[in-house]
Amino acid sequence: MGTRYAIGISSGDIGGAVALALIEDVRGNGLGLQGFPQIVVGQVAKDFHITMKFDEAATQFVITADEAQRAVKAMKAGSGYSQEILERVLDAAANLEGATQR
């Protein structure tokens, strides 16, 4: 279930929306990891800090509460991933892939 935030969504909802964007990248480009990264959501002030972890490597990016709400809404409506957060998810995945290959 995760943490339920005052804006009406949970950490699980946000993690799911991030995972959906990552899956879109995997469909087109594959994933240079031997598995799927762990997605951890934490709130700092009104923003959400998303950490993607795999083995000992980790990378982090930030999305706003408004972006999180729109991404979750799109996911729950069956509209797919949020284009708005996609670039940050892709950058984080690339960073994570690079960190695990060192």
PDB file of N, CA and C in Angstrom:
ATOM      1  N   MET A   1       0.823  -1.182   0.000  1.00  0.00           N
ATOM      2  CA  MET A   1       0.000   0.000   0.000  1.00  0.00           C
ATOM      3  C   MET A   1       0.866   1.244   0.000  1.00  0.00           C
ATOM      4  N   GLY A   2       1.791   1.365   0.920  1.00  0.00           N
ATOM      5  CA  GLY A   2       2.645   2.538   0.958  1.00  0.00           C
ATOM      6  C   GLY A   2       2.046   3.666   1.765  1.00  0.00           C
ATOM      7  N   THR A   3       2.696   4.785   1.703  1.00  0.00           N
ATOM      8  CA  THR A   3       2.274   5.977   2.424  1.00  0.00           C
ATOM      9  C   THR A   3       1.211   6.708   1.630  1.00  0.00           C
ATOM     10  N   ARG A   4       0.152   7.098   2.293  1.00  0.00           N
ATOM     11  CA  ARG A   4      -0.912   7.881   1.649  1.00  0.00           C
ATOM     12  C   ARG A   4      -0.630   9.347   1.933  1.00  0.00           C
ATOM     13  N   TYR A   5      -0.533  10.156   0.880  1.00  0.00           N
ATOM     14  CA  TYR A   5      -0.219  11.566   1.017  1.00  0.00           C
ATOM     15  C   TYR A   5      -1.484  12.415   1.025  1.00  0.00           C
ATOM     16  N   ALA A   6      -1.371  13.620   1.548  1.00  0.00           N
ATOM     17  CA  ALA A   6      -2.504  14.535   1.667  1.00  0.00           C
ATOM     18  C   ALA A   6      -3.108  14.905   0.308  1.00  0.00           C
ATOM     19  N   ILE A   7      -2.357  14.744  -0.767  1.00  0.00           N
ATOM     20  CA  ILE A   7      -2.876  15.091  -2.093  1.00  0.00           C
ATOM     21  C   ILE A   7      -3.743  13.976  -2.687  1.00  0.00           C
ATOM     22  N   GLY A   8      -3.966  12.905  -1.930  1.00  0.00           N
ATOM     23  CA  GLY A   8      -4.902  11.865  -2.348  1.00  0.00           C
ATOM     24  C   GLY A   8      -4.317  10.699  -3.106  1.00  0.00           C
ATOM     25  N   ILE A   9      -3.006  10.589  -3.158  1.00  0.00           N
ATOM     26  CA  ILE A   9      -2.369   9.454  -3.811  1.00  0.00           C
ATOM     27  C   ILE A   9      -1.352   8.850  -2.848  1.00  0.00           C
ATOM     28  N   SER A  10      -0.926   7.641  -3.150  1.00  0.00           N
ATOM     29  CA  SER A  10       0.017   6.964  -2.257  1.00  0.00           C
ATOM     30  C   SER A  10       1.388   6.832  -2.912  1.00  0.00           C
ATOM     31  N   SER A  11       2.359   6.463  -2.104  1.00  0.00           N
ATOM     32  CA  SER A  11       3.697   6.211  -2.641  1.00  0.00           C
ATOM     33  C   SER A  11       3.649   5.063  -3.648  1.00  0.00           C
ATOM     34  N   GLY A  12       2.766   4.093  -3.400  1.00  0.00           N
ATOM     35  CA  GLY A  12       2.598   2.987  -4.343  1.00  0.00           C
ATOM     36  C   GLY A  12       2.048   3.453  -5.682  1.00  0.00           C
ATOM     37  N   ASP A  13       1.114   4.411  -5.639  1.00  0.00           N
ATOM     38  CA  ASP A  13       0.570   4.982  -6.879  1.00  0.00           C
ATOM     39  C   ASP A  13       1.674   5.662  -7.685  1.00  0.00           C
ATOM     40  N   ILE A  14       2.468   6.470  -6.996  1.00  0.00           N
ATOM     41  CA  ILE A  14       3.540   7.212  -7.665  1.00  0.00           C
ATOM     42  C   ILE A  14       4.581   6.235  -8.207  1.00  0.00           C
ATOM     43  N   GLY A  15       4.959   5.248  -7.398  1.00  0.00           N
ATOM     44  CA  GLY A  15       5.917   4.239  -7.856  1.00  0.00           C
ATOM     45  C   GLY A  15       5.402   3.487  -9.071  1.00  0.00           C
ATOM     46  N   GLY A  16       4.109   3.195  -9.087  1.00  0.00           N
ATOM     47  CA  GLY A  16       3.502   2.520 -10.237  1.00  0.00           C
ATOM     48  C   GLY A  16       3.561   3.363 -11.494  1.00  0.00           C
ATOM     49  N   ALA A  17       3.310   4.669 -11.352  1.00  0.00           N
ATOM     50  CA  ALA A  17       3.369   5.575 -12.499  1.00  0.00           C
ATOM     51  C   ALA A  17       4.798   5.679 -13.039  1.00  0.00           C
ATOM     52  N   VAL A  18       5.774   5.703 -12.141  1.00  0.00           N
ATOM     53  CA  VAL A  18       7.179   5.726 -12.561  1.00  0.00           C
ATOM     54  C   VAL A  18       7.532   4.414 -13.256  1.00  0.00           C
ATOM     55  N   ALA A  19       7.098   3.296 -12.692  1.00  0.00           N
ATOM     56  CA  ALA A  19       7.368   1.983 -13.292  1.00  0.00           C
ATOM     57  C   ALA A  19       6.759   1.885 -14.687  1.00  0.00           C
ATOM     58  N   LEU A  20       5.566   2.430 -14.867  1.00  0.00           N
ATOM     59  CA  LEU A  20       4.910   2.394 -16.176  1.00  0.00           C
ATOM     60  C   LEU A  20       5.735   3.157 -17.210  1.00  0.00           C
ATOM     61  N   ALA A  21       6.290   4.300 -16.821  1.00  0.00           N
ATOM     62  CA  ALA A  21       7.155   5.055 -17.732  1.00  0.00           C
ATOM     63  C   ALA A  21       8.425   4.263 -18.038  1.00  0.00           C
ATOM     64  N   LEU A  22       8.976   3.602 -17.045  1.00  0.00           N
ATOM     65  CA  LEU A  22      10.174   2.793 -17.257  1.00  0.00           C
ATOM     66  C   LEU A  22       9.885   1.614 -18.182  1.00  0.00           C
ATOM     67  N   ILE A  23       8.748   1.002 -18.029  1.00  0.00           N
ATOM     68  CA  ILE A  23       8.355  -0.115 -18.904  1.00  0.00           C
ATOM     69  C   ILE A  23       8.259   0.353 -20.347  1.00  0.00           C
ATOM     70  N   GLU A  24       7.784   1.569 -20.565  1.00  0.00           N
ATOM     71  CA  GLU A  24       7.724   2.113 -21.923  1.00  0.00           C
ATOM     72  C   GLU A  24       9.125   2.168 -22.532  1.00  0.00           C
ATOM     73  N   ASP A  25      10.113   2.583 -21.741  1.00  0.00           N
ATOM     74  CA  ASP A  25      11.496   2.613 -22.223  1.00  0.00           C
ATOM     75  C   ASP A  25      12.001   1.206 -22.518  1.00  0.00           C
ATOM     76  N   VAL A  26      11.677   0.274 -21.648  1.00  0.00           N
ATOM     77  CA  VAL A  26      12.121  -1.112 -21.827  1.00  0.00           C
ATOM     78  C   VAL A  26      11.554  -1.691 -23.125  1.00  0.00           C
ATOM     79  N   ARG A  27      10.320  -1.357 -23.436  1.00  0.00           N
ATOM     80  CA  ARG A  27       9.708  -1.851 -24.681  1.00  0.00           C
ATOM     81  C   ARG A  27      10.499  -1.422 -25.905  1.00  0.00           C
ATOM     82  N   GLY A  28      10.952  -0.187 -25.906  1.00  0.00           N
ATOM     83  CA  GLY A  28      11.646   0.334 -27.079  1.00  0.00           C
ATOM     84  C   GLY A  28      13.142   0.117 -27.079  1.00  0.00           C
ATOM     85  N   ASN A  29      13.756   0.155 -25.907  1.00  0.00           N
ATOM     86  CA  ASN A  29      15.217   0.154 -25.843  1.00  0.00           C
ATOM     87  C   ASN A  29      15.815  -0.985 -25.043  1.00  0.00           C
ATOM     88  N   GLY A  30      15.005  -1.759 -24.372  1.00  0.00           N
ATOM     89  CA  GLY A  30      15.536  -2.785 -23.483  1.00  0.00           C
ATOM     90  C   GLY A  30      16.035  -2.137 -22.202  1.00  0.00           C
ATOM     91  N   LEU A  31      16.518  -2.942 -21.300  1.00  0.00           N
ATOM     92  CA  LEU A  31      17.024  -2.449 -20.031  1.00  0.00           C
ATOM     93  C   LEU A  31      18.350  -3.143 -19.772  1.00  0.00           C
ATOM     94  N   GLY A  32      19.383  -2.364 -19.528  1.00  0.00           N
ATOM     95  CA  GLY A  32      20.716  -2.912 -19.326  1.00  0.00           C
ATOM     96  C   GLY A  32      20.952  -3.430 -17.920  1.00  0.00           C
ATOM     97  N   LEU A  33      19.924  -3.935 -17.281  1.00  0.00           N
ATOM     98  CA  LEU A  33      20.028  -4.505 -15.940  1.00  0.00           C
ATOM     99  C   LEU A  33      19.527  -5.941 -15.982  1.00  0.00           C
ATOM    100  N   GLN A  34      19.961  -6.740 -15.065  1.00  0.00           N
ATOM    101  CA  GLN A  34      19.497  -8.125 -14.972  1.00  0.00           C
ATOM    102  C   GLN A  34      18.291  -8.201 -14.034  1.00  0.00           C
ATOM    103  N   GLY A  35      17.306  -7.406 -14.301  1.00  0.00           N
ATOM    104  CA  GLY A  35      16.102  -7.337 -13.490  1.00  0.00           C
ATOM    105  C   GLY A  35      15.532  -5.936 -13.535  1.00  0.00           C
ATOM    106  N   PHE A  36      14.540  -5.685 -12.712  1.00  0.00           N
ATOM    107  CA  PHE A  36      13.863  -4.391 -12.687  1.00  0.00           C
ATOM    108  C   PHE A  36      14.276  -3.654 -11.420  1.00  0.00           C
ATOM    109  N   PRO A  37      14.543  -2.366 -11.515  1.00  0.00           N
ATOM    110  CA  PRO A  37      14.989  -1.634 -10.326  1.00  0.00           C
ATOM    111  C   PRO A  37      13.884  -1.452  -9.287  1.00  0.00           C
ATOM    112  N   GLN A  38      14.300  -1.330  -8.055  1.00  0.00           N
ATOM    113  CA  GLN A  38      13.386  -0.977  -6.970  1.00  0.00           C
ATOM    114  C   GLN A  38      13.109   0.519  -7.088  1.00  0.00           C
ATOM    115  N   ILE A  39      11.860   0.903  -6.893  1.00  0.00           N
ATOM    116  CA  ILE A  39      11.467   2.307  -6.964  1.00  0.00           C
ATOM    117  C   ILE A  39      10.988   2.715  -5.578  1.00  0.00           C
ATOM    118  N   VAL A  40      11.659   3.713  -5.004  1.00  0.00           N
ATOM    119  CA  VAL A  40      11.338   4.188  -3.660  1.00  0.00           C
ATOM    120  C   VAL A  40      10.877   5.638  -3.773  1.00  0.00           C
ATOM    121  N   VAL A  41       9.752   5.948  -3.128  1.00  0.00           N
ATOM    122  CA  VAL A  41       9.174   7.293  -3.189  1.00  0.00           C
ATOM    123  C   VAL A  41       9.242   7.918  -1.805  1.00  0.00           C
ATOM    124  N   GLY A  42       9.762   9.120  -1.743  1.00  0.00           N
ATOM    125  CA  GLY A  42       9.801   9.871  -0.492  1.00  0.00           C
ATOM    126  C   GLY A  42       9.361  11.300  -0.748  1.00  0.00           C
ATOM    127  N   GLN A  43       8.718  11.892   0.213  1.00  0.00           N
ATOM    128  CA  GLN A  43       8.254  13.270   0.061  1.00  0.00           C
ATOM    129  C   GLN A  43       9.165  14.212   0.833  1.00  0.00           C
ATOM    130  N   VAL A  44       9.583  15.270   0.168  1.00  0.00           N
ATOM    131  CA  VAL A  44      10.366  16.333   0.787  1.00  0.00           C
ATOM    132  C   VAL A  44       9.647  17.635   0.449  1.00  0.00           C
ATOM    133  N   ALA A  45       9.095  18.275   1.477  1.00  0.00           N
ATOM    134  CA  ALA A  45       8.244  19.459   1.289  1.00  0.00           C
ATOM    135  C   ALA A  45       7.080  19.053   0.383  1.00  0.00           C
ATOM    136  N   LYS A  46       6.887  19.740  -0.729  1.00  0.00           N
ATOM    137  CA  LYS A  46       5.776  19.393  -1.618  1.00  0.00           C
ATOM    138  C   LYS A  46       6.211  18.546  -2.807  1.00  0.00           C
ATOM    139  N   ASP A  47       7.486  18.252  -2.894  1.00  0.00           N
ATOM    140  CA  ASP A  47       8.010  17.457  -4.003  1.00  0.00           C
ATOM    141  C   ASP A  47       8.192  16.002  -3.596  1.00  0.00           C
ATOM    142  N   PHE A  48       8.316  15.154  -4.595  1.00  0.00           N
ATOM    143  CA  PHE A  48       8.572  13.735  -4.362  1.00  0.00           C
ATOM    144  C   PHE A  48       9.941  13.387  -4.917  1.00  0.00           C
ATOM    145  N   HIS A  49      10.750  12.777  -4.076  1.00  0.00           N
ATOM    146  CA  HIS A  49      12.071  12.319  -4.477  1.00  0.00           C
ATOM    147  C   HIS A  49      11.948  10.839  -4.802  1.00  0.00           C
ATOM    148  N   ILE A  50      12.228  10.517  -6.032  1.00  0.00           N
ATOM    149  CA  ILE A  50      12.118   9.150  -6.521  1.00  0.00           C
ATOM    150  C   ILE A  50      13.523   8.568  -6.591  1.00  0.00           C
ATOM    151  N   THR A  51      13.734   7.459  -5.917  1.00  0.00           N
ATOM    152  CA  THR A  51      15.018   6.770  -5.964  1.00  0.00           C
ATOM    153  C   THR A  51      14.822   5.442  -6.679  1.00  0.00           C
ATOM    154  N   MET A  52      15.665   5.195  -7.663  1.00  0.00           N
ATOM    155  CA  MET A  52      15.675   3.903  -8.344  1.00  0.00           C
ATOM    156  C   MET A  52      16.948   3.197  -7.922  1.00  0.00           C
ATOM    157  N   LYS A  53      16.797   1.943  -7.435  1.00  0.00           N
ATOM    158  CA  LYS A  53      17.933   1.171  -6.930  1.00  0.00           C
ATOM    159  C   LYS A  53      18.029  -0.172  -7.646  1.00  0.00           C
ATOM    160  N   PHE A  54      19.271  -0.581  -7.838  1.00  0.00           N
ATOM    161  CA  PHE A  54      19.528  -1.925  -8.349  1.00  0.00           C
ATOM    162  C   PHE A  54      20.872  -2.368  -7.806  1.00  0.00           C
ATOM    163  N   ASP A  55      20.918  -3.503  -7.152  1.00  0.00           N
ATOM    164  CA  ASP A  55      22.112  -3.966  -6.450  1.00  0.00           C
ATOM    165  C   ASP A  55      22.580  -2.854  -5.513  1.00  0.00           C
ATOM    166  N   GLU A  56      23.813  -2.427  -5.641  1.00  0.00           N
ATOM    167  CA  GLU A  56      24.352  -1.375  -4.765  1.00  0.00           C
ATOM    168  C   GLU A  56      24.207   0.017  -5.371  1.00  0.00           C
ATOM    169  N   ALA A  57      23.746   0.102  -6.609  1.00  0.00           N
ATOM    170  CA  ALA A  57      23.647   1.384  -7.309  1.00  0.00           C
ATOM    171  C   ALA A  57      22.287   2.030  -7.062  1.00  0.00           C
ATOM    172  N   ALA A  58      22.285   3.368  -7.046  1.00  0.00           N
ATOM    173  CA  ALA A  58      21.045   4.116  -6.877  1.00  0.00           C
ATOM    174  C   ALA A  58      21.152   5.439  -7.612  1.00  0.00           C
ATOM    175  N   THR A  59      20.026   5.933  -8.064  1.00  0.00           N
ATOM    176  CA  THR A  59      19.936   7.248  -8.695  1.00  0.00           C
ATOM    177  C   THR A  59      18.617   7.884  -8.259  1.00  0.00           C
ATOM    178  N   GLN A  60      18.576   9.197  -8.281  1.00  0.00           N
ATOM    179  CA  GLN A  60      17.398   9.887  -7.755  1.00  0.00           C
ATOM    180  C   GLN A  60      16.997  11.047  -8.672  1.00  0.00           C
ATOM    181  N   PHE A  61      15.693  11.321  -8.710  1.00  0.00           N
ATOM    182  CA  PHE A  61      15.180  12.494  -9.396  1.00  0.00           C
ATOM    183  C   PHE A  61      13.956  12.993  -8.639  1.00  0.00           C
ATOM    184  N   VAL A  62      13.482  14.168  -9.010  1.00  0.00           N
ATOM    185  CA  VAL A  62      12.388  14.824  -8.292  1.00  0.00           C
ATOM    186  C   VAL A  62      11.227  15.075  -9.252  1.00  0.00           C
ATOM    187  N   ILE A  63      10.007  14.847  -8.750  1.00  0.00           N
ATOM    188  CA  ILE A  63       8.806  15.278  -9.462  1.00  0.00           C
ATOM    189  C   ILE A  63       7.962  16.086  -8.486  1.00  0.00           C
ATOM    190  N   THR A  64       7.224  17.028  -9.017  1.00  0.00           N
ATOM    191  CA  THR A  64       6.376  17.859  -8.166  1.00  0.00           C
ATOM    192  C   THR A  64       5.099  17.103  -7.811  1.00  0.00           C
ATOM    193  N   ALA A  65       4.390  17.620  -6.834  1.00  0.00           N
ATOM    194  CA  ALA A  65       3.110  17.012  -6.448  1.00  0.00           C
ATOM    195  C   ALA A  65       2.121  17.046  -7.609  1.00  0.00           C
ATOM    196  N   ASP A  66       2.099  18.147  -8.349  1.00  0.00           N
ATOM    197  CA  ASP A  66       1.189  18.245  -9.499  1.00  0.00           C
ATOM    198  C   ASP A  66       1.541  17.221 -10.574  1.00  0.00           C
ATOM    199  N   GLU A  67       2.840  17.059 -10.849  1.00  0.00           N
ATOM    200  CA  GLU A  67       3.265  16.059 -11.832  1.00  0.00           C
ATOM    201  C   GLU A  67       2.904  14.656 -11.366  1.00  0.00           C
ATOM    202  N   ALA A  68       3.091  14.401 -10.083  1.00  0.00           N
ATOM    203  CA  ALA A  68       2.752  13.085  -9.530  1.00  0.00           C
ATOM    204  C   ALA A  68       1.262  12.813  -9.677  1.00  0.00           C
ATOM    205  N   GLN A  69       0.438  13.794  -9.356  1.00  0.00           N
ATOM    206  CA  GLN A  69      -1.010  13.607  -9.474  1.00  0.00           C
ATOM    207  C   GLN A  69      -1.414  13.325 -10.916  1.00  0.00           C
ATOM    208  N   ARG A  70      -0.853  14.068 -11.862  1.00  0.00           N
ATOM    209  CA  ARG A  70      -1.202  13.848 -13.274  1.00  0.00           C
ATOM    210  C   ARG A  70      -0.719  12.487 -13.762  1.00  0.00           C
ATOM    211  N   ALA A  71       0.475  12.070 -13.339  1.00  0.00           N
ATOM    212  CA  ALA A  71       1.008  10.768 -13.752  1.00  0.00           C
ATOM    213  C   ALA A  71       0.145   9.629 -13.209  1.00  0.00           C
ATOM    214  N   VAL A  72      -0.266   9.738 -11.952  1.00  0.00           N
ATOM    215  CA  VAL A  72      -1.113   8.712 -11.347  1.00  0.00           C
ATOM    216  C   VAL A  72      -2.486   8.704 -11.999  1.00  0.00           C
ATOM    217  N   LYS A  73      -3.021   9.868 -12.276  1.00  0.00           N
ATOM    218  CA  LYS A  73      -4.336   9.956 -12.928  1.00  0.00           C
ATOM    219  C   LYS A  73      -4.301   9.279 -14.298  1.00  0.00           C
ATOM    220  N   ALA A  74      -3.256   9.545 -15.080  1.00  0.00           N
ATOM    221  CA  ALA A  74      -3.129   8.918 -16.395  1.00  0.00           C
ATOM    222  C   ALA A  74      -3.024   7.403 -16.273  1.00  0.00           C
ATOM    223  N   MET A  75      -2.220   6.948 -15.306  1.00  0.00           N
ATOM    224  CA  MET A  75      -2.041   5.510 -15.105  1.00  0.00           C
ATOM    225  C   MET A  75      -3.374   4.850 -14.734  1.00  0.00           C
ATOM    226  N   LYS A  76      -4.087   5.435 -13.778  1.00  0.00           N
ATOM    227  CA  LYS A  76      -5.338   4.838 -13.307  1.00  0.00           C
ATOM    228  C   LYS A  76      -6.445   4.909 -14.349  1.00  0.00           C
ATOM    229  N   ALA A  77      -6.374   5.899 -15.240  1.00  0.00           N
ATOM    230  CA  ALA A  77      -7.382   6.021 -16.299  1.00  0.00           C
ATOM    231  C   ALA A  77      -7.091   5.083 -17.465  1.00  0.00           C
ATOM    232  N   GLY A  78      -5.949   4.415 -17.406  1.00  0.00           N
ATOM    233  CA  GLY A  78      -5.577   3.519 -18.491  1.00  0.00           C
ATOM    234  C   GLY A  78      -4.997   4.260 -19.684  1.00  0.00           C
ATOM    235  N   SER A  79      -4.598   5.503 -19.473  1.00  0.00           N
ATOM    236  CA  SER A  79      -4.051   6.328 -20.558  1.00  0.00           C
ATOM    237  C   SER A  79      -2.569   6.076 -20.786  1.00  0.00           C
ATOM    238  N   GLY A  80      -1.968   5.235 -19.964  1.00  0.00           N
ATOM    239  CA  GLY A  80      -0.560   4.927 -20.121  1.00  0.00           C
ATOM    240  C   GLY A  80       0.323   5.775 -19.229  1.00  0.00           C
ATOM    241  N   TYR A  81       1.583   5.890 -19.634  1.00  0.00           N
ATOM    242  CA  TYR A  81       2.579   6.590 -18.839  1.00  0.00           C
ATOM    243  C   TYR A  81       2.461   8.101 -19.024  1.00  0.00           C
ATOM    244  N   SER A  82       3.074   8.815 -18.121  1.00  0.00           N
ATOM    245  CA  SER A  82       3.087  10.276 -18.180  1.00  0.00           C
ATOM    246  C   SER A  82       4.280  10.749 -18.995  1.00  0.00           C
ATOM    247  N   GLN A  83       4.004  11.394 -20.109  1.00  0.00           N
ATOM    248  CA  GLN A  83       5.060  11.968 -20.943  1.00  0.00           C
ATOM    249  C   GLN A  83       5.831  13.031 -20.162  1.00  0.00           C
ATOM    250  N   GLU A  84       5.140  13.662 -19.235  1.00  0.00           N
ATOM    251  CA  GLU A  84       5.713  14.748 -18.444  1.00  0.00           C
ATOM    252  C   GLU A  84       6.910  14.303 -17.586  1.00  0.00           C
ATOM    253  N   ILE A  85       6.882  13.078 -17.078  1.00  0.00           N
ATOM    254  CA  ILE A  85       7.981  12.598 -16.234  1.00  0.00           C
ATOM    255  C   ILE A  85       8.910  11.629 -16.965  1.00  0.00           C
ATOM    256  N   LEU A  86       8.570  11.277 -18.193  1.00  0.00           N
ATOM    257  CA  LEU A  86       9.297  10.245 -18.926  1.00  0.00           C
ATOM    258  C   LEU A  86      10.790  10.544 -19.043  1.00  0.00           C
ATOM    259  N   GLU A  87      11.154  11.758 -19.411  1.00  0.00           N
ATOM    260  CA  GLU A  87      12.564  12.079 -19.624  1.00  0.00           C
ATOM    261  C   GLU A  87      13.392  11.882 -18.353  1.00  0.00           C
ATOM    262  N   ARG A  88      12.839  12.262 -17.199  1.00  0.00           N
ATOM    263  CA  ARG A  88      13.574  12.071 -15.943  1.00  0.00           C
ATOM    264  C   ARG A  88      13.710  10.596 -15.598  1.00  0.00           C
ATOM    265  N   VAL A  89      12.669   9.814 -15.894  1.00  0.00           N
ATOM    266  CA  VAL A  89      12.736   8.369 -15.650  1.00  0.00           C
ATOM    267  C   VAL A  89      13.799   7.741 -16.550  1.00  0.00           C
ATOM    268  N   LEU A  90      13.830   8.146 -17.817  1.00  0.00           N
ATOM    269  CA  LEU A  90      14.811   7.597 -18.755  1.00  0.00           C
ATOM    270  C   LEU A  90      16.237   7.968 -18.355  1.00  0.00           C
ATOM    271  N   ASP A  91      16.435   9.208 -17.937  1.00  0.00           N
ATOM    272  CA  ASP A  91      17.758   9.636 -17.482  1.00  0.00           C
ATOM    273  C   ASP A  91      18.197   8.837 -16.253  1.00  0.00           C
ATOM    274  N   ALA A  92      17.277   8.637 -15.325  1.00  0.00           N
ATOM    275  CA  ALA A  92      17.598   7.878 -14.114  1.00  0.00           C
ATOM    276  C   ALA A  92      17.934   6.432 -14.462  1.00  0.00           C
ATOM    277  N   ALA A  93      17.186   5.846 -15.381  1.00  0.00           N
ATOM    278  CA  ALA A  93      17.463   4.457 -15.797  1.00  0.00           C
ATOM    279  C   ALA A  93      18.835   4.360 -16.443  1.00  0.00           C
ATOM    280  N   ALA A  94      19.175   5.316 -17.302  1.00  0.00           N
ATOM    281  CA  ALA A  94      20.489   5.319 -17.944  1.00  0.00           C
ATOM    282  C   ALA A  94      21.607   5.467 -16.919  1.00  0.00           C
ATOM    283  N   ASN A  95      21.398   6.348 -15.936  1.00  0.00           N
ATOM    284  CA  ASN A  95      22.393   6.518 -14.868  1.00  0.00           C
ATOM    285  C   ASN A  95      22.571   5.236 -14.074  1.00  0.00           C
ATOM    286  N   LEU A  96      21.460   4.569 -13.794  1.00  0.00           N
ATOM    287  CA  LEU A  96      21.503   3.330 -13.033  1.00  0.00           C
ATOM    288  C   LEU A  96      22.216   2.232 -13.828  1.00  0.00           C
ATOM    289  N   GLU A  97      21.912   2.143 -15.100  1.00  0.00           N
ATOM    290  CA  GLU A  97      22.582   1.151 -15.946  1.00  0.00           C
ATOM    291  C   GLU A  97      24.091   1.392 -15.966  1.00  0.00           C
ATOM    292  N   GLY A  98      24.471   2.659 -16.117  1.00  0.00           N
ATOM    293  CA  GLY A  98      25.894   3.001 -16.128  1.00  0.00           C
ATOM    294  C   GLY A  98      26.574   2.687 -14.813  1.00  0.00           C
ATOM    295  N   ALA A  99      25.892   2.945 -13.716  1.00  0.00           N
ATOM    296  CA  ALA A  99      26.476   2.699 -12.394  1.00  0.00           C
ATOM    297  C   ALA A  99      26.660   1.199 -12.124  1.00  0.00           C
ATOM    298  N   THR A 100      25.806   0.374 -12.666  1.00  0.00           N
ATOM    299  CA  THR A 100      25.927  -1.066 -12.417  1.00  0.00           C
ATOM    300  C   THR A 100      26.967  -1.714 -13.302  1.00  0.00           C
ATOM    301  N   GLN A 101      27.393  -1.036 -14.340  1.00  0.00           N
ATOM    302  CA  GLN A 101      28.389  -1.597 -15.267  1.00  0.00           C
ATOM    303  C   GLN A 101      29.805  -1.157 -14.932  1.00  0.00           C
ATOM    304  N   ARG A 102      29.974  -0.391 -13.868  1.00  0.00           N
ATOM    305  CA  ARG A 102      31.315   0.067 -13.478  1.00  0.00           C
ATOM    306  C   ARG A 102      32.047  -0.999 -12.710  1.00  0.00           C
TER     307      ARG A 102
END
